Amino acid sequence: MPFDTKDFIPSTLKNFDSLPESAFVRLPTVCGLFACSKATVWRHVRTGLIPKPRKITPRTTGWSVGELRDSLKNREV
């Protein structure tokens, strides 16, 4: 069976451009946006390169789409 990467790309990453600014995404989407591992995402959060996530529920953490877009824009400059 051939390896198909489309099965491993989160739908929120595929559709990131169409998400509203107020939406929240989880860690796998942030990893895909910044092309880095989970550990690197958390390292970048500590240094301020990636915005801090918010607790959505006691066991769920999410990042604001609007804040991630701003961070990506500033990163490209």
Protein backbone atom coordinates (compact mmCIF):
# COMPACT_ATOMS: atom_id res chain seq x y z
CA MET A 1 0.00 0.00 0.00
CA PRO A 2 1.56 3.33 -1.04
CA PHE A 3 2.10 6.08 1.51
CA ASP A 4 -0.42 8.90 1.07
CA THR A 5 0.33 12.10 3.01
CA LYS A 6 -3.13 13.59 2.50
CA ASP A 7 -4.43 11.14 5.12
CA PHE A 8 -2.14 12.71 7.73
CA ILE A 9 -2.78 16.41 7.09
CA PRO A 10 -5.32 17.83 9.57
CA SER A 11 -8.40 19.31 7.90
CA THR A 12 -7.83 22.54 9.83
CA LEU A 13 -4.43 22.85 8.15
CA LYS A 14 -5.88 22.12 4.72
CA ASN A 15 -8.56 24.77 5.25
CA PHE A 16 -6.59 27.24 7.39
CA ASP A 17 -7.09 30.15 4.96
CA SER A 18 -10.87 29.81 5.16
CA LEU A 19 -11.10 29.62 8.96
CA PRO A 20 -12.45 32.70 10.79
CA GLU A 21 -10.02 34.79 12.85
CA SER A 22 -11.86 33.76 16.02
CA ALA A 23 -11.40 30.01 15.43
CA PHE A 24 -8.99 27.87 17.42
CA VAL A 25 -6.72 25.11 16.14
CA ARG A 26 -4.82 22.36 17.91
CA LEU A 27 -1.13 21.46 18.08
CA PRO A 28 -0.90 19.32 14.87
CA THR A 29 -2.12 22.29 12.84
CA VAL A 30 0.44 24.62 14.44
CA CYS A 31 3.17 22.06 13.70
CA GLY A 32 2.12 22.05 10.06
CA LEU A 33 1.89 25.84 9.78
CA PHE A 34 5.36 26.39 11.17
CA ALA A 35 6.85 23.17 9.72
CA CYS A 36 8.26 22.01 13.03
CA SER A 37 7.88 19.34 15.69
CA LYS A 38 5.70 19.54 18.79
CA ALA A 39 8.76 20.21 20.95
CA THR A 40 9.82 23.07 18.68
CA VAL A 41 6.33 24.60 18.80
CA TRP A 42 6.54 24.72 22.60
CA ARG A 43 10.08 26.10 22.43
CA HIS A 44 8.88 28.86 20.06
CA VAL A 45 5.96 29.61 22.40
CA ARG A 46 8.43 30.15 25.25
CA THR A 47 10.58 32.50 23.12
CA GLY A 48 7.58 34.37 21.70
CA LEU A 49 7.93 33.30 18.04
CA ILE A 50 4.58 31.51 18.25
CA PRO A 51 1.72 33.03 20.28
CA LYS A 52 0.69 31.38 23.53
CA PRO A 53 -2.21 28.95 23.32
CA ARG A 54 -5.35 29.18 25.40
CA LYS A 55 -7.03 26.56 27.55
CA ILE A 56 -10.34 25.75 25.87
CA THR A 57 -11.25 23.04 28.37
CA PRO A 58 -9.20 21.57 31.23
CA ARG A 59 -7.68 19.03 28.83
CA THR A 60 -7.76 20.98 25.56
CA THR A 61 -5.34 23.67 24.41
CA GLY A 62 -5.84 25.71 21.25
CA TRP A 63 -4.27 28.57 19.33
CA SER A 64 -6.19 31.52 17.95
CA VAL A 65 -6.22 31.51 14.15
CA GLY A 66 -6.00 35.31 14.06
CA GLU A 67 -2.95 35.35 16.33
CA LEU A 68 -1.26 32.62 14.29
CA ARG A 69 -1.88 34.54 11.06
CA ASP A 70 -0.34 37.67 12.60
CA SER A 71 2.65 35.65 13.77
CA LEU A 72 3.13 34.16 10.29
CA LYS A 73 2.92 37.61 8.66
CA ASN A 74 5.50 39.06 11.07
CA ARG A 75 7.75 36.06 10.53
CA GLU A 76 7.82 36.61 6.75
CA VAL A 77 8.90 40.25 7.05
